[in-house]
Amino acid sequence: KGLVGSAMAPSSLTSMSGLRWFVAALLLGWASVAGASYQDVLRPDVVVVTTFDGEWRHWRERLLHLELPFPAGASGFPLGWNAELRVLGLVTGMGSKNAAMSITALGHDSRFDLREAHWLLAGIGGFDPRHASLGSAAFAGFLVDGNMARFVDPREMPSHWPTGWMPLNRSAPYASPPPTAAEKEDMVYRLSPELVAWACAVARAAGLPAATEAQRRASEGYIADYPASGLPPSVLIGDSMSTDSFWAGELSTQWARRWMRYWTSDTATFVASDMEDVAVAASLTALARAGRARPPTEALLVLRTASNFVFPPPGQQPGMYDGGFIPEPAFEAAFAVGEPVVRALAAGRWPSIAGRVAGEKHATLWA
């Protein structure tokens, strides 16, 4: 007979009146449980996104001390929570697949209401020495996908082509007509210019650590050709391109620069390489359609700090180049300027000064 038959067996429920009281009591109990669980839902004001343990360490040790299990996340790391600030943090795992899985899992986790949260992705990346030095921090205005493309091996491509990479719906690199709005939809994310400019101003006020001796040595071979690489670490607005490949070399950098301009009508400037930024933005877009988060164009900040340059010093072959990878100062830099931004967002301060900094022009920060 099942549970219903068993529940009706006691004599106190032999009348229809008793049955009605029993059902009413059940409904009241369910409502009470539902109400209690609703009250227990955490409503973060800010979500900090990192992609691997090195990026996460300072956030966990210095700000997000309470661990919450997150078995659906791709990285296997627990979440971090600061109840006083209402800030949540996670490690997505490296690469676009893991980033998308983890953000989507968090967005559908019934323990959290993320509908009003801002998001800060705080990670490291390879930088173009044209624009910044090691240890610098770039807030992205544009995120561009470098994964969705057609590819012809350069040894087999026509001799007049500059690269073997081409848009999916074109038969040559950078071919006309320019990308349509529909083609750009999943390839380009422009983040809120006002929010990005405000975050950049907050980060500049906080300041970055001075360059380490290792960073200065690694920059020496670039300075003659790329003076910005020898300057002290700085905070700038600089756009990022996502691929799931670790690439290096001047020819690949030329492709990244031009690919960014092609997809943004000559608006974006390539500064930082990454793996996860576009995947995070795409996942937030889907969560926004489901009513579970704000869209990335309103609520996402992407901060990358320079752990290496994307090509070797002039005269050195990419195949022999280890990237000059110096991650520890970049981890420190990401927290040094990311944490003040998180605290300001959590305190609700950004709208009050957005108008004052909104006039800062994206394209003139490298003039």
Protein backbone atom coordinates (compact mmCIF):
# COMPACT_ATOMS: atom_id res chain seq x y z
CA LYS A 1 0.00 0.00 0.00
CA GLY A 2 2.94 2.34 0.40
CA LEU A 3 3.39 5.19 2.85
CA VAL A 4 -0.12 6.58 2.46
CA GLY A 5 -1.70 3.28 3.44
CA SER A 6 0.62 3.01 6.41
CA ALA A 7 -0.05 6.59 7.51
CA MET A 8 -3.83 6.08 7.53
CA ALA A 9 -3.70 3.01 9.74
CA PRO A 10 -3.94 4.72 13.22
CA SER A 11 -7.44 5.07 14.61
CA SER A 12 -7.05 8.84 15.00
CA LEU A 13 -7.26 9.16 11.23
CA THR A 14 -10.30 7.00 10.62
CA SER A 15 -12.60 9.96 9.96
CA MET A 16 -12.43 12.34 7.00
CA SER A 17 -12.15 15.18 9.49
CA GLY A 18 -9.02 13.62 10.94
CA LEU A 19 -7.60 13.12 7.44
CA ARG A 20 -8.14 16.77 6.61
CA TRP A 21 -6.31 17.83 9.78
CA PHE A 22 -3.48 15.44 8.92
CA VAL A 23 -3.09 16.83 5.40
CA ALA A 24 -3.24 20.39 6.72
CA ALA A 25 -0.52 19.59 9.23
CA LEU A 26 1.65 18.13 6.48
CA LEU A 27 1.19 21.22 4.34
CA LEU A 28 2.04 23.49 7.24
CA GLY A 29 5.14 21.42 7.91
CA TRP A 30 6.26 21.60 4.30
CA ALA A 31 5.67 25.34 4.28
CA SER A 32 7.69 25.70 7.45
CA VAL A 33 10.59 23.70 6.01
CA ALA A 34 10.46 25.63 2.76
CA GLY A 35 10.42 28.91 4.65
CA ALA A 36 13.37 27.88 6.77
CA SER A 37 15.43 26.83 3.77
CA TYR A 38 14.57 30.06 1.98
CA GLN A 39 15.77 32.07 4.96
CA ASP A 40 19.05 30.12 4.93
CA VAL A 41 19.86 30.97 1.30
CA LEU A 42 23.08 33.00 1.02
CA ARG A 43 22.85 36.16 -1.06
CA PRO A 44 26.38 37.25 -2.01
CA ASP A 45 27.00 40.83 -3.04
CA VAL A 46 30.19 39.80 -4.83
CA VAL A 47 31.50 36.52 -6.26
CA VAL A 48 35.28 36.20 -6.70
CA VAL A 49 36.27 33.80 -9.48
CA THR A 50 39.72 32.21 -9.70
CA THR A 51 40.78 29.37 -11.95
CA PHE A 52 43.45 27.39 -10.06
CA ASP A 53 44.95 27.09 -6.61
CA GLY A 54 47.70 29.67 -7.04
CA GLU A 55 45.18 32.38 -7.93
CA TRP A 56 42.93 31.28 -5.07
CA ARG A 57 45.45 31.07 -2.25
CA HIS A 58 45.54 34.72 -1.14
CA TRP A 59 41.77 35.07 -1.32
CA ARG A 60 41.27 31.98 0.84
CA GLU A 61 43.93 32.89 3.39
CA ARG A 62 43.15 36.61 3.69
CA LEU A 63 39.45 37.12 2.97
CA LEU A 64 37.29 34.03 2.36
CA HIS A 65 38.00 31.87 5.38
CA LEU A 66 34.82 29.80 5.72
CA GLU A 67 34.80 26.74 3.47
CA LEU A 68 31.57 25.47 1.90
CA PRO A 69 31.45 22.17 0.02
CA PHE A 70 31.07 22.44 -3.75
CA PRO A 71 30.97 18.91 -5.17
CA ALA A 72 29.51 20.04 -8.51
CA GLY A 73 32.48 22.31 -9.22
CA ALA A 74 35.03 21.10 -11.75
CA SER A 75 38.11 21.93 -9.65
CA GLY A 76 37.32 19.88 -6.53
CA PHE A 77 37.96 22.93 -4.32
CA PRO A 78 35.42 24.08 -1.73
CA LEU A 79 33.89 27.53 -1.97
CA GLY A 80 35.04 30.35 0.27
CA TRP A 81 32.62 32.65 2.14
CA ASN A 82 32.93 35.89 4.10
CA ALA A 83 29.64 36.40 5.96
CA GLU A 84 30.44 39.92 7.13
CA LEU A 85 31.12 41.22 3.61
CA ARG A 86 28.76 38.77 1.88
CA VAL A 87 31.48 37.75 -0.55
CA LEU A 88 31.64 34.27 -2.08
CA GLY A 89 34.62 32.80 -3.93
CA LEU A 90 35.40 29.76 -6.05
CA VAL A 91 38.06 27.97 -8.06
CA THR A 92 36.67 26.95 -11.44
CA GLY A 93 39.49 24.78 -12.70
CA MET A 94 41.60 25.78 -15.70
CA GLY A 95 40.27 26.01 -19.23
CA SER A 96 36.98 27.02 -20.79
CA LYS A 97 35.28 23.67 -20.13
CA ASN A 98 35.96 23.72 -16.40
CA ALA A 99 35.13 27.41 -16.08
CA ALA A 100 31.75 26.95 -17.77
CA MET A 101 30.94 23.85 -15.71
CA SER A 102 31.77 25.52 -12.40
CA ILE A 103 29.99 28.84 -13.02
CA THR A 104 26.89 27.02 -14.26
CA ALA A 105 26.93 24.68 -11.27
CA LEU A 106 27.22 27.60 -8.86
CA GLY A 107 24.45 29.48 -10.62
CA HIS A 108 22.04 26.57 -10.15
CA ASP A 109 23.12 25.77 -6.59
CA SER A 110 20.01 26.19 -4.42
CA ARG A 111 22.11 27.41 -1.46
CA PHE A 112 22.75 30.74 -3.20
CA ASP A 113 20.76 33.61 -4.64
CA LEU A 114 23.11 35.32 -7.11
CA ARG A 115 20.60 37.60 -8.79
CA GLU A 116 22.11 40.82 -7.39
CA ALA A 117 25.76 39.81 -7.25
CA HIS A 118 28.68 41.41 -9.02
CA TRP A 119 31.45 39.09 -10.21
CA LEU A 120 35.22 39.61 -10.25
CA LEU A 121 37.36 37.15 -12.18
CA ALA A 122 40.84 37.65 -10.72
CA GLY A 123 43.53 35.70 -12.54
CA ILE A 124 46.96 35.87 -14.13
CA GLY A 125 47.80 35.90 -17.81
CA GLY A 126 50.37 36.48 -20.51
CA PHE A 127 50.65 40.15 -21.53
CA ASP A 128 51.68 41.95 -24.69
CA PRO A 129 54.85 43.91 -23.78
CA ARG A 130 53.64 46.71 -26.03
CA HIS A 131 51.29 47.87 -23.30
CA ALA A 132 52.44 46.88 -19.82
CA SER A 133 55.17 45.46 -17.63
CA LEU A 134 55.24 42.27 -15.60
CA GLY A 135 53.13 42.61 -12.48
CA SER A 136 50.74 45.04 -14.14
CA ALA A 137 46.98 44.66 -13.82
CA ALA A 138 44.48 44.98 -16.66
CA PHE A 139 40.71 45.29 -16.35
CA ALA A 140 39.17 44.04 -19.58
CA GLY A 141 36.72 46.16 -21.51
CA PHE A 142 36.28 43.50 -24.20
CA LEU A 143 36.50 39.71 -24.00
CA VAL A 144 37.06 38.00 -27.36
CA ASP A 145 36.89 34.28 -28.13
CA GLY A 146 39.96 32.89 -29.88
CA ASN A 147 38.76 29.29 -29.82
CA MET A 148 35.87 29.39 -32.29
CA ALA A 149 37.76 29.48 -35.58
CA ARG A 150 38.80 27.57 -38.66
CA PHE A 151 42.44 26.59 -38.99
CA VAL A 152 44.73 25.67 -41.87
CA ASP A 153 48.27 24.53 -41.13
CA PRO A 154 50.57 27.43 -42.12
CA ARG A 155 52.69 25.02 -44.15
CA GLU A 156 49.68 24.38 -46.39
CA MET A 157 47.98 27.78 -46.46
CA PRO A 158 48.21 30.18 -49.41
CA SER A 159 51.49 32.09 -49.32
CA HIS A 160 49.77 35.50 -49.11
CA TRP A 161 47.82 34.65 -45.97
CA PRO A 162 49.15 36.20 -42.76
CA THR A 163 47.87 33.32 -40.61
CA GLY A 164 46.10 29.98 -40.80
CA TRP A 165 43.34 31.14 -38.45
CA MET A 166 40.11 32.41 -39.95
CA PRO A 167 36.53 33.06 -38.82
CA LEU A 168 34.16 30.10 -39.00
CA ASN A 169 32.03 31.66 -41.73
CA ARG A 170 34.82 33.10 -43.88
CA SER A 171 37.14 31.48 -46.39
CA ALA A 172 40.22 33.56 -45.57
CA PRO A 173 41.70 35.30 -42.52
CA TYR A 174 40.02 38.60 -41.61
CA ALA A 175 37.85 38.31 -44.72
CA SER A 176 35.03 40.67 -45.66
CA PRO A 177 32.31 41.34 -44.92
CA PRO A 178 33.04 42.33 -41.31
CA PRO A 179 31.36 40.19 -38.64
CA THR A 180 27.67 40.83 -38.23
CA ALA A 181 26.03 41.52 -34.89
CA ALA A 182 24.70 37.95 -34.88
CA GLU A 183 28.19 36.54 -35.54
CA LYS A 184 29.66 38.64 -32.74
CA GLU A 185 27.05 37.52 -30.22
CA ASP A 186 28.99 34.52 -28.89
CA MET A 187 32.43 35.81 -29.83
CA VAL A 188 32.60 39.21 -28.15
CA TYR A 189 31.51 40.44 -24.73
CA ARG A 190 31.77 44.13 -23.98
CA LEU A 191 31.70 44.68 -20.25
CA SER A 192 30.14 47.76 -18.67
CA PRO A 193 32.45 50.70 -19.53
CA GLU A 194 31.32 52.59 -16.43
CA LEU A 195 31.92 49.67 -14.07
CA VAL A 196 35.29 48.86 -15.66
CA ALA A 197 36.48 52.49 -15.45
CA TRP A 198 35.35 52.72 -11.83
CA ALA A 199 37.15 49.49 -10.88
CA CYS A 200 40.29 50.70 -12.63
CA ALA A 201 40.16 53.93 -10.61
CA VAL A 202 39.70 52.05 -7.32
CA ALA A 203 42.60 49.73 -8.18
CA ARG A 204 44.89 52.61 -9.12
CA ALA A 205 44.16 54.30 -5.81
CA ALA A 206 45.08 51.07 -4.00
CA GLY A 207 48.35 50.67 -5.89
CA LEU A 208 50.40 47.68 -7.02
CA PRO A 209 53.48 46.08 -5.47
CA ALA A 210 56.81 47.21 -6.89
CA ALA A 211 58.48 45.00 -9.47
CA THR A 212 60.60 42.19 -8.06
CA GLU A 213 64.19 41.59 -9.08
CA ALA A 214 63.06 38.51 -11.06
CA GLN A 215 60.52 40.59 -12.97
CA ARG A 216 63.08 43.28 -13.77
CA ARG A 217 65.56 40.71 -15.09
CA ALA A 218 62.90 39.02 -17.22
CA SER A 219 61.98 42.38 -18.80
CA GLU A 220 65.47 43.50 -19.74
CA GLY A 221 65.46 42.01 -23.23
CA TYR A 222 62.23 43.75 -24.22
CA ILE A 223 62.75 47.34 -23.13
CA ALA A 224 64.57 48.64 -26.22
CA ASP A 225 61.75 47.56 -28.54
CA TYR A 226 58.86 47.77 -26.06
CA PRO A 227 59.46 50.61 -23.56
CA ALA A 228 56.23 49.90 -21.64
CA SER A 229 57.69 46.55 -20.55
CA GLY A 230 60.29 48.36 -18.46
CA LEU A 231 57.94 50.70 -16.62
CA PRO A 232 56.78 50.09 -13.04
CA PRO A 233 53.70 47.85 -12.74
CA SER A 234 50.56 49.79 -13.61
CA VAL A 235 46.78 49.41 -13.65
CA LEU A 236 45.15 49.83 -17.06
CA ILE A 237 42.12 48.94 -19.10
CA GLY A 238 43.27 46.23 -21.48
CA ASP A 239 41.30 43.65 -23.41
CA SER A 240 41.68 39.89 -23.21
CA MET A 241 41.46 37.00 -25.66
CA SER A 242 40.53 33.49 -24.55
CA THR A 243 42.00 30.32 -26.03
CA ASP A 244 42.49 26.87 -24.55
CA SER A 245 46.07 26.77 -25.85
CA PHE A 246 49.21 28.08 -24.21
CA TRP A 247 50.77 29.87 -27.14
CA ALA A 248 53.90 32.00 -27.54
CA GLY A 249 55.57 33.94 -30.31
CA GLU A 250 55.43 37.23 -32.18
CA LEU A 251 53.49 35.77 -35.11
CA SER A 252 50.82 34.43 -32.78
CA THR A 253 50.74 37.79 -31.01
CA GLN A 254 50.23 39.54 -34.34
CA TRP A 255 47.28 37.22 -34.95
CA ALA A 256 45.83 37.96 -31.49
CA ARG A 257 46.12 41.72 -32.01
CA ARG A 258 44.44 41.61 -35.39
CA TRP A 259 41.82 39.03 -34.35
CA MET A 260 40.74 41.32 -31.52
CA ARG A 261 40.44 44.30 -33.85
CA TYR A 262 38.57 42.27 -36.48
CA TRP A 263 35.90 41.12 -34.06
CA THR A 264 35.43 44.51 -32.39
CA SER A 265 35.48 46.83 -35.43
CA ASP A 266 38.95 48.12 -34.47
CA THR A 267 37.79 49.02 -30.96
CA ALA A 268 39.57 46.48 -28.73
CA THR A 269 43.31 46.29 -28.10
CA PHE A 270 44.90 42.97 -27.21
CA VAL A 271 46.68 43.14 -23.86
CA ALA A 272 46.14 39.84 -22.01
CA SER A 273 45.83 36.20 -22.99
CA ASP A 274 43.72 33.81 -20.95
CA MET A 275 41.71 30.60 -21.11
CA GLU A 276 38.54 31.17 -19.10
CA ASP A 277 37.20 34.74 -19.49
CA VAL A 278 34.83 34.16 -22.39
CA ALA A 279 33.53 30.93 -20.85
CA VAL A 280 32.68 32.74 -17.61
CA ALA A 281 30.89 35.50 -19.54
CA ALA A 282 28.98 32.97 -21.66
CA SER A 283 27.89 31.03 -18.56
CA LEU A 284 26.66 34.22 -16.86
CA THR A 285 24.74 35.10 -20.02
CA ALA A 286 22.92 31.77 -19.83
CA LEU A 287 22.30 32.16 -16.10
CA ALA A 288 20.86 35.62 -16.74
CA ARG A 289 18.43 34.17 -19.29
CA ALA A 290 17.33 31.72 -16.59
CA GLY A 291 16.84 34.55 -14.09
CA ARG A 292 19.62 33.33 -11.81
CA ALA A 293 22.30 36.02 -12.28
CA ARG A 294 22.88 39.42 -13.78
CA PRO A 295 24.32 39.47 -17.32
CA PRO A 296 28.08 39.91 -17.68
CA THR A 297 27.58 43.16 -19.55
CA GLU A 298 26.24 44.63 -16.29
CA ALA A 299 27.92 42.77 -13.45
CA LEU A 300 31.21 41.15 -14.52
CA LEU A 301 34.72 42.50 -14.02
CA VAL A 302 37.73 40.64 -15.42
CA LEU A 303 41.11 41.39 -13.85
CA ARG A 304 44.27 39.82 -15.24
CA THR A 305 47.77 40.43 -13.89
CA ALA A 306 50.93 39.87 -15.93
CA SER A 307 52.83 36.72 -15.02
CA ASN A 308 54.74 36.59 -18.33
CA PHE A 309 54.92 38.06 -21.80
CA VAL A 310 53.32 36.31 -24.76
CA PHE A 311 56.49 36.15 -26.84
CA PRO A 312 60.20 35.87 -26.05
CA PRO A 313 62.67 38.73 -26.15
CA PRO A 314 63.77 39.76 -29.66
CA GLY A 315 66.24 37.29 -31.10
CA GLN A 316 65.04 34.31 -29.06
CA GLN A 317 63.07 31.50 -30.63
CA PRO A 318 59.58 30.72 -29.20
CA GLY A 319 60.36 27.00 -29.14
CA MET A 320 63.25 27.62 -26.74
CA TYR A 321 61.34 30.16 -24.67
CA ASP A 322 59.98 29.19 -21.28
CA GLY A 323 57.76 32.26 -21.18
CA GLY A 324 59.63 33.95 -18.35
CA PHE A 325 56.79 32.72 -16.16
CA ILE A 326 56.86 34.50 -12.78
CA PRO A 327 53.49 33.76 -11.16
CA GLU A 328 53.93 34.64 -7.47
CA PRO A 329 54.15 38.44 -7.88
CA ALA A 330 51.19 38.27 -10.26
CA PHE A 331 49.13 36.41 -7.64
CA GLU A 332 50.01 39.12 -5.13
CA ALA A 333 49.15 41.89 -7.58
CA ALA A 334 45.74 40.39 -8.35
CA PHE A 335 44.82 40.39 -4.67
CA ALA A 336 46.40 43.79 -3.99
CA VAL A 337 44.11 45.58 -6.45
CA GLY A 338 41.26 43.08 -6.60
CA GLU A 339 40.49 43.05 -2.89
CA PRO A 340 39.79 46.82 -2.63
CA VAL A 341 37.45 46.54 -5.60
CA VAL A 342 35.62 43.64 -3.96
CA ARG A 343 35.26 45.55 -0.69
CA ALA A 344 33.97 48.63 -2.50
CA LEU A 345 31.43 46.56 -4.44
CA ALA A 346 30.32 44.79 -1.27
CA ALA A 347 29.84 48.18 0.41
CA GLY A 348 27.72 49.37 -2.52
CA ARG A 349 30.10 52.23 -3.32
CA TRP A 350 30.52 51.88 -7.06
CA PRO A 351 27.34 53.61 -8.31
CA SER A 352 28.07 56.71 -6.23
CA ILE A 353 31.25 57.56 -8.13
CA ALA A 354 30.58 55.89 -11.49
CA GLY A 355 29.64 59.18 -13.12
CA ARG A 356 32.90 60.80 -12.07
CA VAL A 357 35.09 58.17 -13.75
CA ALA A 358 32.85 57.19 -16.68
CA GLY A 359 34.56 59.77 -18.89
CA GLU A 360 37.86 57.87 -18.88
CA LYS A 361 38.37 56.77 -22.46
CA HIS A 362 39.09 53.14 -23.19
CA ALA A 363 41.21 53.78 -26.27
CA THR A 364 43.45 56.48 -24.78
CA LEU A 365 44.87 54.65 -21.79
CA TRP A 366 47.92 53.59 -23.78
CA ALA A 367 48.53 56.94 -25.49
